C-alpha cells in the first residue's frame, strides 16, 4: 500500500543548543579561569566536547584538575527586563 501525504513523517533537524561553560583548570600550582560556549543537544554531548577542548588546550599536561562552575543552556531570547532603559540587548 502506498503512503499518503498524511502518513509521511517529516523529521526536522533541530539546531543544537548553545551551552555556556565556566570552569577552572588547575595544572600543578597554576590555575586558569575559562569561559566557553559549546554546542550539543544533551549535557553528555557538551561534556565530551569540553574534554576535547581540554585535551587540545593542555596537550602537554599529564594531569588536569577541572572544576566546573557553571554549565547551562543559553536562552535564545534575552530577557529585556534586565536591560530596561540602560542597555540595548
N, C-alpha and C. Protein backbone atom coordinates (compact mmCIF):
# COMPACT_ATOMS: atom_id res chain seq x y z
N UNK A 1 0.84 -1.19 0.00
CA UNK A 1 0.00 0.00 0.00
C UNK A 1 0.89 1.25 0.00
N UNK A 2 0.54 2.20 -0.78
CA UNK A 2 1.30 3.44 -0.89
C UNK A 2 0.95 4.37 0.26
N UNK A 3 1.96 5.07 0.75
CA UNK A 3 1.71 6.02 1.83
C UNK A 3 1.09 7.29 1.28
N UNK A 4 0.15 7.81 2.04
CA UNK A 4 -0.46 9.08 1.65
C UNK A 4 0.37 10.23 2.24
N UNK A 5 0.03 11.42 1.87
CA UNK A 5 0.75 12.60 2.35
C UNK A 5 0.72 12.69 3.87
N UNK A 6 -0.40 12.32 4.47
CA UNK A 6 -0.54 12.39 5.93
C UNK A 6 0.28 11.31 6.64
N UNK A 7 0.60 10.21 5.95
CA UNK A 7 1.34 9.11 6.57
C UNK A 7 2.84 9.39 6.66
N UNK A 8 3.31 10.30 5.85
CA UNK A 8 4.75 10.58 5.83
C UNK A 8 5.10 11.45 7.04
N UNK A 9 6.08 11.01 7.78
CA UNK A 9 6.54 11.83 8.91
C UNK A 9 7.74 12.64 8.47
N UNK A 10 7.71 13.89 8.78
CA UNK A 10 8.80 14.78 8.42
C UNK A 10 9.65 15.00 9.67
N UNK A 11 10.86 14.59 9.58
CA UNK A 11 11.76 14.79 10.70
C UNK A 11 12.63 15.99 10.42
N UNK A 12 12.41 17.03 11.21
CA UNK A 12 13.18 18.25 11.06
C UNK A 12 14.40 18.18 11.95
N UNK A 13 15.50 18.66 11.44
CA UNK A 13 16.70 18.73 12.25
C UNK A 13 16.60 19.96 13.14
N UNK A 14 16.72 19.72 14.43
CA UNK A 14 16.69 20.83 15.37
C UNK A 14 18.10 21.37 15.51
N UNK A 15 18.23 22.68 15.61
CA UNK A 15 19.57 23.22 15.84
C UNK A 15 20.06 22.81 17.23
N UNK A 16 21.36 22.62 17.36
CA UNK A 16 21.93 22.23 18.65
C UNK A 16 21.80 23.39 19.63
N UNK A 17 21.68 23.04 20.89
CA UNK A 17 21.58 24.06 21.94
C UNK A 17 22.95 24.66 22.19
N UNK A 18 22.95 25.93 22.58
CA UNK A 18 24.18 26.61 22.97
C UNK A 18 24.32 26.48 24.49
N UNK A 19 25.49 26.08 24.92
CA UNK A 19 25.76 25.92 26.34
C UNK A 19 26.91 26.84 26.74
N UNK A 20 26.78 27.50 27.86
CA UNK A 20 27.89 28.27 28.40
C UNK A 20 28.52 27.44 29.52
N UNK A 21 29.84 27.32 29.47
CA UNK A 21 30.56 26.54 30.46
C UNK A 21 31.63 27.44 31.07
N UNK A 22 31.59 27.57 32.37
CA UNK A 22 32.60 28.32 33.10
C UNK A 22 33.32 27.32 33.98
N UNK A 23 34.65 27.28 33.88
CA UNK A 23 35.40 26.30 34.65
C UNK A 23 36.78 26.83 34.99
N UNK A 24 37.37 26.19 35.99
CA UNK A 24 38.73 26.50 36.41
C UNK A 24 39.56 25.24 36.17
N UNK A 25 40.66 25.41 35.42
CA UNK A 25 41.57 24.30 35.16
C UNK A 25 42.84 24.55 35.98
N UNK A 26 43.22 23.55 36.75
CA UNK A 26 44.41 23.67 37.60
C UNK A 26 45.44 22.62 37.18
N UNK A 27 46.64 23.10 36.86
CA UNK A 27 47.75 22.23 36.49
C UNK A 27 48.89 22.57 37.44
N UNK A 28 49.21 21.65 38.30
CA UNK A 28 50.24 21.92 39.30
C UNK A 28 49.77 23.03 40.23
N UNK A 29 50.55 24.11 40.31
CA UNK A 29 50.19 25.24 41.17
C UNK A 29 49.50 26.37 40.41
N UNK A 30 49.39 26.24 39.09
CA UNK A 30 48.79 27.28 38.26
C UNK A 30 47.34 26.94 37.94
N UNK A 31 46.47 27.94 38.06
CA UNK A 31 45.07 27.73 37.68
C UNK A 31 44.64 28.80 36.69
N UNK A 32 43.75 28.42 35.80
CA UNK A 32 43.23 29.32 34.77
C UNK A 32 41.72 29.27 34.79
N UNK A 33 41.11 30.43 34.73
CA UNK A 33 39.65 30.55 34.72
C UNK A 33 39.22 30.65 33.25
N UNK A 34 38.27 29.81 32.83
CA UNK A 34 37.83 29.77 31.43
C UNK A 34 36.32 29.98 31.34
N UNK A 35 35.92 30.57 30.23
CA UNK A 35 34.51 30.71 29.87
C UNK A 35 34.41 30.36 28.40
N UNK A 36 33.59 29.37 28.07
CA UNK A 36 33.49 28.92 26.69
C UNK A 36 32.04 28.62 26.34
N UNK A 37 31.77 28.61 25.05
CA UNK A 37 30.44 28.24 24.55
C UNK A 37 30.61 27.02 23.67
N UNK A 38 29.84 25.97 23.98
CA UNK A 38 29.87 24.74 23.21
C UNK A 38 28.45 24.42 22.75
N UNK A 39 28.34 23.55 21.75
CA UNK A 39 27.04 23.20 21.18
C UNK A 39 26.78 21.72 21.36
N UNK A 40 25.55 21.38 21.76
CA UNK A 40 25.16 20.00 21.91
C UNK A 40 23.71 19.89 22.31
N UNK A 41 23.14 18.73 22.11
CA UNK A 41 21.73 18.51 22.47
C UNK A 41 21.59 18.21 23.95
N UNK A 42 22.45 17.36 24.47
CA UNK A 42 22.38 16.94 25.87
C UNK A 42 23.67 17.31 26.59
N UNK A 43 23.63 17.28 27.92
CA UNK A 43 24.79 17.62 28.72
C UNK A 43 25.96 16.69 28.46
N UNK A 44 25.68 15.42 28.17
CA UNK A 44 26.75 14.46 27.89
C UNK A 44 27.54 14.85 26.64
N UNK A 45 26.83 15.37 25.63
CA UNK A 45 27.50 15.83 24.41
C UNK A 45 28.45 16.97 24.72
N UNK A 46 28.00 17.89 25.54
CA UNK A 46 28.80 19.06 25.89
C UNK A 46 29.99 18.65 26.76
N UNK A 47 29.80 17.68 27.64
CA UNK A 47 30.91 17.20 28.47
C UNK A 47 31.99 16.57 27.61
N UNK A 48 31.60 15.82 26.57
CA UNK A 48 32.59 15.24 25.66
C UNK A 48 33.36 16.33 24.92
N UNK A 49 32.64 17.35 24.48
CA UNK A 49 33.30 18.45 23.78
C UNK A 49 34.25 19.21 24.71
N UNK A 50 33.86 19.36 25.96
CA UNK A 50 34.72 20.02 26.93
C UNK A 50 36.00 19.21 27.15
N UNK A 51 35.88 17.90 27.22
CA UNK A 51 37.07 17.05 27.36
C UNK A 51 37.99 17.22 26.15
N UNK A 52 37.41 17.29 24.97
CA UNK A 52 38.21 17.50 23.77
C UNK A 52 38.91 18.86 23.82
N UNK A 53 38.20 19.89 24.26
CA UNK A 53 38.79 21.22 24.38
C UNK A 53 39.95 21.22 25.38
N UNK A 54 39.76 20.54 26.49
CA UNK A 54 40.83 20.47 27.49
C UNK A 54 42.06 19.74 26.95
N UNK A 55 41.83 18.65 26.23
CA UNK A 55 42.95 17.89 25.66
C UNK A 55 43.73 18.71 24.64
N UNK A 56 43.04 19.51 23.83
CA UNK A 56 43.75 20.32 22.83
C UNK A 56 44.40 21.56 23.45
N UNK A 57 43.79 22.11 24.49
CA UNK A 57 44.35 23.30 25.14
C UNK A 57 45.56 22.96 25.98
N UNK A 58 45.49 21.86 26.71
CA UNK A 58 46.56 21.47 27.62
C UNK A 58 47.19 20.15 27.17
N UNK A 59 47.73 20.12 25.96
CA UNK A 59 48.30 18.88 25.42
C UNK A 59 49.50 18.40 26.23
N UNK A 60 50.28 19.31 26.76
CA UNK A 60 51.50 18.93 27.46
C UNK A 60 51.24 18.46 28.90
N UNK A 61 50.06 18.71 29.43
CA UNK A 61 49.77 18.37 30.82
C UNK A 61 49.43 16.89 30.96
N UNK A 62 49.98 16.27 32.00
CA UNK A 62 49.66 14.87 32.25
C UNK A 62 48.44 14.74 33.16
N UNK A 63 48.20 15.77 33.97
CA UNK A 63 47.06 15.73 34.88
C UNK A 63 46.46 17.14 34.97
N UNK A 64 45.16 17.22 34.81
CA UNK A 64 44.44 18.50 34.88
C UNK A 64 43.32 18.34 35.89
N UNK A 65 43.26 19.24 36.85
CA UNK A 65 42.15 19.26 37.80
C UNK A 65 41.17 20.32 37.32
N UNK A 66 39.96 19.90 37.02
CA UNK A 66 38.95 20.81 36.46
C UNK A 66 37.78 20.94 37.41
N UNK A 67 37.41 22.17 37.69
CA UNK A 67 36.23 22.46 38.49
C UNK A 67 35.26 23.23 37.61
N UNK A 68 34.10 22.64 37.33
CA UNK A 68 33.09 23.30 36.51
C UNK A 68 32.24 24.16 37.44
N UNK A 69 32.24 25.46 37.17
CA UNK A 69 31.48 26.40 37.98
C UNK A 69 30.05 26.58 37.46
N UNK A 70 29.91 26.50 36.14
CA UNK A 70 28.59 26.69 35.54
C UNK A 70 28.54 25.97 34.21
N UNK A 71 27.45 25.26 33.97
CA UNK A 71 27.20 24.60 32.69
C UNK A 71 25.70 24.65 32.47
N UNK A 72 25.28 25.57 31.60
CA UNK A 72 23.84 25.74 31.39
C UNK A 72 23.55 26.15 29.96
N UNK A 73 22.32 25.88 29.55
CA UNK A 73 21.86 26.22 28.20
C UNK A 73 21.63 27.72 28.15
N UNK A 74 22.07 28.32 27.06
CA UNK A 74 21.85 29.75 26.85
C UNK A 74 20.46 29.94 26.27
N UNK A 75 19.67 30.80 26.89
CA UNK A 75 18.34 31.10 26.37
C UNK A 75 18.47 31.82 25.04
N UNK A 76 17.61 31.45 24.10
CA UNK A 76 17.68 32.06 22.78
C UNK A 76 17.11 33.47 22.77
N UNK A 77 16.23 33.77 23.70
CA UNK A 77 15.64 35.09 23.77
C UNK A 77 16.14 35.80 25.02
N UNK A 78 16.75 36.97 24.87
CA UNK A 78 17.22 37.68 26.05
C UNK A 78 16.04 38.22 26.85
N UNK A 79 16.23 38.32 28.12
CA UNK A 79 15.20 38.88 28.98
C UNK A 79 15.39 40.40 28.98
N UNK A 80 14.57 41.10 28.24
CA UNK A 80 14.71 42.54 28.07
C UNK A 80 14.50 43.30 29.37
N UNK A 81 13.85 42.68 30.34
CA UNK A 81 13.61 43.33 31.63
C UNK A 81 14.93 43.71 32.30
N UNK A 82 15.96 42.88 32.16
CA UNK A 82 17.25 43.15 32.79
C UNK A 82 17.95 44.35 32.16
N UNK A 83 17.55 44.72 30.94
CA UNK A 83 18.20 45.80 30.23
C UNK A 83 17.33 47.05 30.14
N UNK A 84 16.28 47.10 30.93
CA UNK A 84 15.31 48.18 30.83
C UNK A 84 15.98 49.54 30.99
N UNK A 85 15.87 50.36 29.96
CA UNK A 85 16.32 51.75 29.92
C UNK A 85 17.80 51.96 30.17
N UNK A 86 18.58 50.90 30.24
CA UNK A 86 20.01 51.04 30.49
C UNK A 86 20.84 50.59 29.30
N UNK A 87 20.48 49.46 28.72
CA UNK A 87 21.25 48.88 27.64
C UNK A 87 20.32 48.40 26.56
N UNK A 88 20.88 48.19 25.39
CA UNK A 88 20.12 47.59 24.30
C UNK A 88 20.57 46.16 24.15
N UNK A 89 19.68 45.16 24.33
CA UNK A 89 20.09 43.75 24.22
C UNK A 89 20.46 43.37 22.80
